[in-house]
């Protein structure tokens, strides 16, 4: 019995040492971010701003040390000469809204900000754990944040589950075949289409109409996407390896609640595009809306990808976390600036913050479409919340700069991680909102 106890003690001790060691390595890599977040005595007299997010906000990476938008934001505000501003960043790679919500209270106590800025939610596509503030959700999120768990998943991704962000070409094709075999009816790709003009030409026309001509009006933007839906899908059938067309066609079919067509496009995207995460996300969320294959979709996603499912859709979990932020910050009398992601609709962000009293099942953003207001604006429902639309500003810059000068990848389909220029656009947008807040406070 003593030997068993000794072995258990040694095993637990080794696991603790391993976890601490891995964390120390992570802390070393994050030293610059921690250094920049140091609370100085002079910060007491500054207007303090706390930013939350994931890899699109973090300055974890070497090339983002000076260019991540929270750092640029601090410089921009202090250049205004209207007072001292101090910006702290709690952006961390891989964080979802569940993890971010779990650190909200402790971060507020630590930094005591006047303003909180968020740009979050894109990592919720993998069925994030809902944070309720209770012991159970704290425990689940604690386990998910253990470095040993992440290392295990990384080194043993050749076992199940697969790492959906790092699938090989062969793994993508095998997975795509597994999903395509579930199809209750012939795929839309079974009928070949031909194009009278090139796919690049169609993409250029689509971009101009949807993202340039209608970028400033959510209703027109939404309607123009639906009007292009059929033509874009036909273009994808004719040219299934055109990444931009794939992502937009898939998104448009989802917005139109054409889940079978969205599923077909997503399966082809999984097979042909390196960005497997967004393709799998659409396969799962569209496939689960098709009654004939819902159970099989969940079985494959659970067995091969390690995804888990609740009665809540990912968007609903995200909405609950946004409303947790809303209620907590209102109670603490802290102003909140809500940044929408680049090239995304602001109306969907407002739905996340408000929605209905009882959260309904959500299949699309259709019910969330509202008229666009001036940017940035204070929401009439809650004067302490500022919403920031970023689509129009990115579109303007992208008239002169190609995609790879603004984004480094397409990890989110319609947008990606930003370059120094992209971070600058976000910082400028956030700065306008902060200055609007400053003016409204009577400074």
Protein backbone atom coordinates (compact mmCIF):
# COMPACT_ATOMS: atom_id res chain seq x y z
CA UNK A 1 0.00 0.00 0.00
CA UNK A 2 2.85 2.36 0.86
CA UNK A 3 4.48 1.57 -2.50
CA UNK A 4 1.30 2.39 -4.36
CA UNK A 5 1.00 5.66 -2.46
CA UNK A 6 4.63 6.48 -3.17
CA UNK A 7 4.22 5.75 -6.90
CA UNK A 8 1.10 7.95 -7.05
CA UNK A 9 2.91 10.74 -5.23
CA UNK A 10 5.91 10.55 -7.59
CA UNK A 11 3.59 10.46 -10.63
CA UNK A 12 1.62 13.51 -9.49
CA UNK A 13 4.84 15.30 -8.54
CA UNK A 14 6.31 14.67 -12.02
CA UNK A 15 3.13 15.94 -13.69
CA UNK A 16 3.20 19.10 -11.56
CA UNK A 17 6.88 19.69 -12.37
CA UNK A 18 6.18 19.16 -16.09
CA UNK A 19 3.22 21.57 -16.01
CA UNK A 20 5.23 24.22 -14.15
CA UNK A 21 8.18 23.82 -16.53
CA UNK A 22 6.02 24.23 -19.62
CA UNK A 23 4.31 27.25 -18.09
CA UNK A 24 7.70 28.81 -17.31
CA UNK A 25 8.67 28.45 -20.97
CA UNK A 26 5.39 30.11 -21.95
CA UNK A 27 5.94 32.87 -19.41
CA UNK A 28 9.43 33.45 -20.85
CA UNK A 29 7.99 33.78 -24.36
CA UNK A 30 5.40 36.23 -23.01
CA UNK A 31 7.88 38.32 -21.02
CA UNK A 32 7.55 41.31 -23.30
CA UNK A 33 3.75 41.33 -22.99
CA UNK A 34 4.00 41.02 -19.21
CA UNK A 35 6.60 43.81 -19.12
CA UNK A 36 4.29 46.08 -21.10
CA UNK A 37 1.45 45.27 -18.69
CA UNK A 38 3.40 46.25 -15.59
CA UNK A 39 1.35 48.61 -13.45
CA UNK A 40 3.42 51.70 -12.71
CA UNK A 41 2.80 54.23 -9.98
CA UNK A 42 2.11 56.90 -12.60
CA UNK A 43 -0.72 54.77 -14.05
CA UNK A 44 -2.92 55.95 -11.18
CA UNK A 45 -3.37 59.31 -12.90
CA UNK A 46 -3.81 57.85 -16.38
CA UNK A 47 -6.96 56.84 -18.24
CA UNK A 48 -6.61 53.07 -18.06
CA UNK A 49 -7.78 50.83 -20.89
CA UNK A 50 -7.84 47.01 -20.78
CA UNK A 51 -7.99 44.99 -24.01
CA UNK A 52 -9.22 41.39 -24.26
CA UNK A 53 -8.92 39.05 -27.23
CA UNK A 54 -7.06 36.12 -28.73
CA UNK A 55 -4.26 35.89 -31.32
CA UNK A 56 -5.72 38.82 -33.30
CA UNK A 57 -5.06 41.00 -30.23
CA UNK A 58 -1.98 39.39 -28.67
CA UNK A 59 1.56 40.68 -29.04
CA UNK A 60 2.80 37.19 -28.20
CA UNK A 61 4.57 36.84 -31.54
CA UNK A 62 7.92 38.48 -32.11
CA UNK A 63 6.84 40.50 -35.14
CA UNK A 64 3.85 41.90 -33.22
CA UNK A 65 5.74 43.19 -30.18
CA UNK A 66 5.51 46.78 -31.38
CA UNK A 67 2.69 46.50 -33.89
CA UNK A 68 -0.17 44.72 -32.08
CA UNK A 69 -3.15 47.07 -32.08
CA UNK A 70 -3.31 47.63 -28.26
CA UNK A 71 0.29 48.91 -28.35
CA UNK A 72 -0.40 51.14 -31.34
CA UNK A 73 -3.57 52.36 -29.63
CA UNK A 74 -1.61 53.58 -26.60
CA UNK A 75 0.80 55.49 -28.83
CA UNK A 76 -2.00 57.06 -30.88
CA UNK A 77 -3.93 58.24 -27.82
CA UNK A 78 -0.90 59.73 -26.09
CA UNK A 79 0.01 61.59 -29.29
CA UNK A 80 -3.30 63.48 -29.00
CA UNK A 81 -1.87 65.53 -26.13
CA UNK A 82 -5.17 65.51 -24.18
CA UNK A 83 -3.97 63.47 -21.22
CA UNK A 84 -2.14 60.29 -20.32
CA UNK A 85 -3.50 56.96 -21.51
CA UNK A 86 -2.33 53.53 -20.37
CA UNK A 87 -3.33 50.46 -22.37
CA UNK A 88 -2.98 46.94 -20.99
CA UNK A 89 -3.43 43.85 -23.16
CA UNK A 90 -4.76 40.49 -22.02
CA UNK A 91 -4.90 39.12 -25.55
CA UNK A 92 -3.63 35.53 -25.69
CA UNK A 93 -3.38 33.08 -28.61
CA UNK A 94 -6.07 30.35 -28.64
CA UNK A 95 -8.27 32.05 -26.01
CA UNK A 96 -12.01 31.74 -26.59
CA UNK A 97 -14.78 33.77 -24.95
CA UNK A 98 -15.17 31.15 -22.21
CA UNK A 99 -11.56 31.53 -21.07
CA UNK A 100 -11.67 35.31 -21.49
CA UNK A 101 -14.85 35.52 -19.39
CA UNK A 102 -13.20 33.43 -16.68
CA UNK A 103 -10.38 36.00 -16.26
CA UNK A 104 -12.56 39.11 -16.55
CA UNK A 105 -13.15 39.67 -12.83
CA UNK A 106 -9.54 39.11 -11.74
CA UNK A 107 -8.23 41.31 -14.58
CA UNK A 108 -10.60 44.14 -13.63
CA UNK A 109 -9.41 43.90 -10.02
CA UNK A 110 -5.78 43.94 -11.16
CA UNK A 111 -5.82 46.80 -13.70
CA UNK A 112 -8.83 48.85 -12.52
CA UNK A 113 -9.62 50.13 -16.03
CA UNK A 114 -11.92 52.97 -17.00
CA UNK A 115 -12.57 51.30 -20.37
CA UNK A 116 -12.57 47.69 -21.55
CA UNK A 117 -12.08 46.93 -25.25
CA UNK A 118 -12.87 43.50 -26.68
CA UNK A 119 -12.36 41.83 -30.04
CA UNK A 120 -13.24 38.22 -29.36
CA UNK A 121 -15.27 35.19 -30.40
CA UNK A 122 -13.57 33.74 -33.47
CA UNK A 123 -12.09 30.83 -31.49
CA UNK A 124 -15.52 29.74 -30.31
CA UNK A 125 -15.97 27.64 -33.44
CA UNK A 126 -14.69 24.56 -31.59
CA UNK A 127 -17.64 24.35 -29.20
CA UNK A 128 -16.18 26.42 -26.41
CA UNK A 129 -17.04 25.68 -22.77
CA UNK A 130 -19.73 28.00 -21.47
CA UNK A 131 -18.54 30.07 -18.51
CA UNK A 132 -21.30 30.59 -15.98
CA UNK A 133 -19.20 31.73 -13.04
CA UNK A 134 -19.90 28.48 -11.22
CA UNK A 135 -17.44 25.87 -9.94
CA UNK A 136 -18.15 23.45 -12.80
CA UNK A 137 -17.28 25.90 -15.58
CA UNK A 138 -14.21 27.13 -13.66
CA UNK A 139 -13.03 23.50 -13.42
CA UNK A 140 -13.64 22.74 -17.11
CA UNK A 141 -11.82 25.86 -18.25
CA UNK A 142 -8.97 25.11 -15.83
CA UNK A 143 -8.51 21.70 -17.45
CA UNK A 144 -8.58 23.20 -20.94
CA UNK A 145 -5.86 25.67 -19.96
CA UNK A 146 -3.48 23.02 -18.64
CA UNK A 147 -0.31 23.05 -20.75
CA UNK A 148 0.10 19.28 -20.39
CA UNK A 149 -3.29 18.76 -22.02
CA UNK A 150 -2.29 20.98 -24.93
CA UNK A 151 1.09 19.26 -25.30
CA UNK A 152 -0.60 15.86 -25.25
CA UNK A 153 -2.97 16.91 -28.01
CA UNK A 154 -0.07 18.31 -30.04
CA UNK A 155 2.22 15.28 -29.86
CA UNK A 156 -0.51 12.68 -30.13
CA UNK A 157 -2.59 14.33 -32.82
CA UNK A 158 -1.97 11.27 -35.04
CA UNK A 159 -4.25 9.42 -32.60
CA UNK A 160 -7.79 10.58 -32.18
CA UNK A 161 -8.79 13.29 -32.05
CA UNK A 162 -7.15 14.90 -35.08
CA UNK A 163 -5.85 18.43 -34.70
CA UNK A 164 -8.31 20.26 -36.93
CA UNK A 165 -5.97 23.24 -37.34
CA UNK A 166 -3.04 21.18 -38.62
CA UNK A 167 -4.48 18.49 -40.89
CA UNK A 168 -2.28 17.03 -43.60
CA UNK A 169 -3.50 16.89 -47.21
CA UNK A 170 -4.24 13.17 -46.80
CA UNK A 171 -6.12 13.73 -43.53
CA UNK A 172 -8.21 16.49 -45.12
CA UNK A 173 -9.16 14.27 -48.06
CA UNK A 174 -10.01 11.30 -45.82
CA UNK A 175 -12.13 13.47 -43.53
CA UNK A 176 -13.85 15.14 -46.49
CA UNK A 177 -14.69 11.70 -47.90
CA UNK A 178 -16.16 10.61 -44.55
CA UNK A 179 -18.46 13.63 -44.50
CA UNK A 180 -19.37 13.49 -48.21
CA UNK A 181 -20.52 9.87 -47.88
CA UNK A 182 -23.21 11.06 -45.47
CA UNK A 183 -24.78 13.27 -48.14
CA UNK A 184 -28.53 12.49 -48.28
CA UNK A 185 -28.73 13.65 -51.91
CA UNK A 186 -26.28 14.27 -54.78
CA UNK A 187 -23.78 17.04 -54.15
CA UNK A 188 -24.24 20.28 -56.03
CA UNK A 189 -20.78 19.56 -57.45
CA UNK A 190 -22.08 16.48 -59.27
CA UNK A 191 -23.32 18.83 -62.00
CA UNK A 192 -20.47 20.66 -63.69
CA UNK A 193 -20.71 24.37 -64.42
CA UNK A 194 -18.74 26.48 -66.88
CA UNK A 195 -17.89 30.15 -66.59
CA UNK A 196 -18.17 32.74 -69.35
CA UNK A 197 -15.69 34.91 -67.44
CA UNK A 198 -12.78 33.99 -65.19
CA UNK A 199 -13.21 33.18 -61.50
CA UNK A 200 -10.89 36.07 -60.65
CA UNK A 201 -13.11 38.45 -62.62
CA UNK A 202 -16.21 37.25 -60.74
CA UNK A 203 -14.40 37.64 -57.44
CA UNK A 204 -13.33 41.18 -58.36
CA UNK A 205 -16.92 42.17 -59.28
CA UNK A 206 -18.27 40.57 -56.13
CA UNK A 207 -15.73 42.31 -53.89
CA UNK A 208 -16.47 45.68 -55.46
CA UNK A 209 -20.24 45.32 -55.14
CA UNK A 210 -20.45 43.75 -51.67
CA UNK A 211 -17.41 45.08 -49.83
CA UNK A 212 -16.84 48.44 -51.50
CA UNK A 213 -20.18 49.77 -52.74
CA UNK A 214 -22.24 48.43 -49.81
CA UNK A 215 -19.66 48.33 -47.03
CA UNK A 216 -21.26 51.16 -45.05
CA UNK A 217 -24.81 49.78 -44.86
CA UNK A 218 -25.46 46.44 -43.16
CA UNK A 219 -28.86 45.92 -44.83
CA UNK A 220 -27.51 46.55 -48.34
CA UNK A 221 -24.41 44.47 -47.59
CA UNK A 222 -26.54 41.54 -46.47
CA UNK A 223 -28.91 41.81 -49.44
CA UNK A 224 -26.08 42.09 -51.95
CA UNK A 225 -24.50 38.91 -50.54
CA UNK A 226 -27.80 37.08 -51.02
CA UNK A 227 -28.20 38.47 -54.54
CA UNK A 228 -24.75 37.15 -55.47
CA UNK A 229 -25.36 33.79 -53.79
CA UNK A 230 -26.40 31.74 -56.82
CA UNK A 231 -23.77 33.16 -59.13
CA UNK A 232 -20.99 32.70 -56.61
CA UNK A 233 -21.98 29.09 -55.94
CA UNK A 234 -22.00 28.37 -59.69
CA UNK A 235 -18.52 29.91 -59.92
CA UNK A 236 -17.30 27.64 -57.11
CA UNK A 237 -18.74 24.56 -58.81
CA UNK A 238 -16.80 25.53 -61.94
CA UNK A 239 -13.63 26.40 -60.03
CA UNK A 240 -13.60 24.63 -56.61
CA UNK A 241 -9.99 25.59 -55.87
CA UNK A 242 -10.54 29.35 -55.78
CA UNK A 243 -10.18 30.08 -52.04
CA UNK A 244 -11.90 33.47 -51.95
CA UNK A 245 -14.94 32.20 -53.85
CA UNK A 246 -15.13 29.08 -51.66
CA UNK A 247 -15.29 31.00 -48.39
CA UNK A 248 -17.78 33.61 -49.57
CA UNK A 249 -20.06 31.10 -51.34
CA UNK A 250 -20.09 28.93 -48.23
CA UNK A 251 -20.89 31.91 -46.01
CA UNK A 252 -23.62 33.21 -48.34
CA UNK A 253 -25.40 29.84 -48.44
CA UNK A 254 -25.27 29.72 -44.65
CA UNK A 255 -26.71 33.23 -44.34
CA UNK A 256 -29.52 32.19 -46.70
CA UNK A 257 -30.10 29.10 -44.52
CA UNK A 258 -29.37 26.83 -47.50
CA UNK A 259 -27.65 24.34 -45.24
CA UNK A 260 -27.36 21.47 -47.75
CA UNK A 261 -25.57 23.69 -50.28
CA UNK A 262 -23.40 25.17 -47.52
CA UNK A 263 -22.48 21.64 -46.42
CA UNK A 264 -21.53 20.60 -49.98
CA UNK A 265 -19.28 23.64 -50.44
CA UNK A 266 -17.68 23.17 -47.01
CA UNK A 267 -16.79 19.55 -47.81
CA UNK A 268 -15.07 20.67 -51.04
CA UNK A 269 -13.34 23.48 -49.14
CA UNK A 270 -12.00 20.95 -46.62
CA UNK A 271 -10.52 18.89 -49.43
CA UNK A 272 -9.08 21.77 -51.47
CA UNK A 273 -8.09 24.47 -48.98
CA UNK A 274 -5.34 24.48 -46.37
CA UNK A 275 -7.61 26.33 -43.94
CA UNK A 276 -9.36 23.24 -42.58
CA UNK A 277 -10.71 24.84 -39.39
CA UNK A 278 -13.26 27.12 -41.05
CA UNK A 279 -14.33 24.37 -43.46
CA UNK A 280 -14.94 21.91 -40.61
CA UNK A 281 -16.83 24.58 -38.69
CA UNK A 282 -19.26 25.01 -41.61
CA UNK A 283 -19.52 21.26 -42.20
CA UNK A 284 -20.56 20.73 -38.59
CA UNK A 285 -22.88 23.70 -38.13
CA UNK A 286 -24.60 23.21 -41.52
CA UNK A 287 -24.63 19.40 -41.32
CA UNK A 288 -26.30 19.55 -37.90
CA UNK A 289 -29.17 21.48 -39.51
CA UNK A 290 -29.85 18.58 -41.91
CA UNK A 291 -31.98 16.08 -39.91
CA UNK A 292 -31.01 13.06 -42.02
CA UNK A 293 -27.30 13.35 -41.18
CA UNK A 294 -27.22 15.34 -37.91
CA UNK A 295 -26.39 12.32 -35.71
CA UNK A 296 -23.71 10.98 -38.08
CA UNK A 297 -22.11 14.43 -38.35
CA UNK A 298 -21.85 14.67 -34.58
CA UNK A 299 -20.46 11.12 -34.34
CA UNK A 300 -17.65 11.79 -36.85
CA UNK A 301 -16.87 15.19 -35.32
CA UNK A 302 -16.77 13.63 -31.84
CA UNK A 303 -14.72 10.54 -32.73
CA UNK A 304 -12.26 12.02 -35.22
CA UNK A 305 -11.97 15.62 -34.04
CA UNK A 306 -12.78 15.41 -30.34
CA UNK A 307 -15.60 17.96 -30.59
CA UNK A 308 -18.33 17.89 -27.97
CA UNK A 309 -21.88 19.12 -28.35
CA UNK A 310 -24.50 20.64 -26.09
CA UNK A 311 -27.97 21.94 -26.83
CA UNK A 312 -26.38 25.32 -27.47
CA UNK A 313 -24.96 26.35 -30.83
CA UNK A 314 -21.47 27.98 -30.74
CA UNK A 315 -22.97 31.39 -31.52
CA UNK A 316 -25.31 31.10 -28.55
CA UNK A 317 -22.42 30.31 -26.19
CA UNK A 318 -20.57 33.34 -27.57
CA UNK A 319 -23.68 35.47 -27.00
CA UNK A 320 -23.94 34.35 -23.37
CA UNK A 321 -20.31 35.35 -22.76
CA UNK A 322 -20.83 38.75 -24.38
CA UNK A 323 -23.85 39.29 -22.13
CA UNK A 324 -21.80 38.20 -19.12
CA UNK A 325 -19.34 40.98 -20.06
CA UNK A 326 -22.24 43.42 -20.53
CA UNK A 327 -23.78 42.74 -17.13
CA UNK A 328 -20.50 42.61 -15.21
CA UNK A 329 -19.08 45.83 -16.71
CA UNK A 330 -22.39 47.64 -16.18
CA UNK A 331 -22.40 46.58 -12.55
CA UNK A 332 -18.81 47.82 -12.13
CA UNK A 333 -19.61 51.06 -14.04
CA UNK A 334 -16.89 50.43 -16.62
CA UNK A 335 -17.34 51.61 -20.20
CA UNK A 336 -17.10 48.97 -22.91
CA UNK A 337 -15.87 49.37 -26.49
CA UNK A 338 -16.96 46.40 -28.62
CA UNK A 339 -14.78 45.92 -31.71
CA UNK A 340 -16.19 43.85 -34.54
CA UNK A 341 -13.65 41.82 -36.52
CA UNK A 342 -12.36 43.16 -39.86
CA UNK A 343 -14.78 42.82 -42.80
CA UNK A 344 -17.59 41.54 -40.53
CA UNK A 345 -21.10 42.92 -40.07
CA UNK A 346 -21.67 45.08 -37.00
CA UNK A 347 -25.32 44.05 -36.72
CA UNK A 348 -24.33 40.52 -35.70
CA UNK A 349 -22.17 41.95 -32.91
CA UNK A 350 -25.09 43.92 -31.53
CA UNK A 351 -27.15 40.72 -31.49
CA UNK A 352 -24.42 39.04 -29.41
CA UNK A 353 -24.60 41.82 -26.84
CA UNK A 354 -28.39 42.07 -26.66
CA UNK A 355 -30.42 39.48 -28.59
CA UNK A 356 -33.59 38.37 -26.84
CA UNK A 357 -34.17 37.88 -23.15
CA UNK A 358 -34.31 34.11 -23.61
CA UNK A 359 -31.68 33.05 -26.14
CA UNK A 360 -33.38 31.26 -29.06
CA UNK A 361 -31.80 28.61 -31.30
CA UNK A 362 -29.82 30.50 -33.93
CA UNK A 363 -29.22 29.22 -37.43
CA UNK A 364 -28.04 32.38 -39.11
CA UNK A 365 -27.48 36.10 -38.70
CA UNK A 366 -30.58 36.91 -40.75
CA UNK A 367 -32.61 38.04 -37.75
CA UNK A 368 -29.73 40.25 -36.62
CA UNK A 369 -29.60 42.55 -39.66
CA UNK A 370 -30.19 46.15 -38.64
CA UNK A 371 -29.57 49.53 -40.21
CA UNK A 372 -25.98 50.69 -39.84
CA UNK A 373 -25.40 53.74 -37.65
CA UNK A 374 -22.62 56.29 -37.74
CA UNK A 375 -19.22 55.07 -36.61
CA UNK A 376 -18.35 54.86 -33.81
CA UNK A 377 -21.64 55.13 -32.00
CA UNK A 378 -22.97 54.87 -28.46
CA UNK A 379 -25.80 52.40 -28.33
CA UNK A 380 -29.06 54.00 -27.26
CA UNK A 381 -29.89 50.90 -25.21
CA UNK A 382 -26.80 51.30 -23.08
CA UNK A 383 -24.84 54.61 -23.18
CA UNK A 384 -21.77 52.96 -21.65
CA UNK A 385 -21.33 50.61 -24.66
CA UNK A 386 -19.61 51.78 -27.83
CA UNK A 387 -19.79 49.59 -30.95
CA UNK A 388 -17.04 49.88 -33.54
CA UNK A 389 -17.56 48.79 -37.14
CA UNK A 390 -14.32 47.98 -39.00
CA UNK A 391 -15.45 46.68 -42.37
CA UNK A 392 -15.55 50.04 -44.16
CA UNK A 393 -12.10 51.16 -42.96
CA UNK A 394 -10.50 47.89 -44.04
CA UNK A 395 -12.22 48.06 -47.42
CA UNK A 396 -10.91 51.59 -47.98
CA UNK A 397 -7.32 50.55 -47.24
CA UNK A 398 -7.63 47.40 -49.36
CA UNK A 399 -8.45 49.50 -52.42
CA UNK A 400 -4.77 50.46 -52.38
CA UNK A 401 -3.18 47.48 -50.60
CA UNK A 402 -3.51 43.79 -51.57
CA UNK A 403 -4.68 41.15 -49.09
CA UNK A 404 -1.18 40.05 -48.06
CA UNK A 405 -0.27 43.60 -47.02
CA UNK A 406 -3.22 43.72 -44.62
CA UNK A 407 -3.56 40.08 -43.50
CA UNK A 408 -0.98 37.34 -42.98
CA UNK A 409 -3.43 34.46 -43.57
CA UNK A 410 -7.10 33.52 -44.01
CA UNK A 411 -7.58 31.58 -40.78
CA UNK A 412 -11.14 32.93 -40.34
CA UNK A 413 -12.16 32.65 -43.98
CA UNK A 414 -13.37 36.21 -44.56
CA UNK A 415 -10.44 37.74 -42.67
CA UNK A 416 -7.19 36.66 -41.03
CA UNK A 417 -4.46 37.71 -38.62
CA UNK A 418 -3.39 41.23 -39.44
CA UNK A 419 -0.04 42.63 -40.49
CA UNK A 420 1.40 45.76 -38.89
CA UNK A 421 -0.77 47.74 -41.33
CA UNK A 422 -3.88 45.75 -40.35
CA UNK A 423 -3.13 46.32 -36.65
CA UNK A 424 -2.80 50.02 -37.42
CA UNK A 425 -6.30 50.10 -38.92
CA UNK A 426 -7.74 48.41 -35.82
CA UNK A 427 -5.84 50.78 -33.53
CA UNK A 428 -7.15 53.81 -35.45
CA UNK A 429 -10.72 52.53 -35.17
CA UNK A 430 -10.37 51.84 -31.45
CA UNK A 431 -8.76 55.26 -30.92
CA UNK A 432 -11.76 57.01 -32.54
CA UNK A 433 -14.08 55.26 -30.12
CA UNK A 434 -11.90 56.14 -27.11
CA UNK A 435 -11.75 59.79 -28.20
CA UNK A 436 -15.53 59.81 -28.63
CA UNK A 437 -15.83 58.46 -25.08
CA UNK A 438 -13.35 61.10 -23.87
CA UNK A 439 -15.45 63.88 -25.44
CA UNK A 440 -18.68 62.49 -23.99
CA UNK A 441 -17.16 62.49 -20.52
CA UNK A 442 -16.75 66.26 -20.78
CA UNK A 443 -12.95 66.26 -20.81
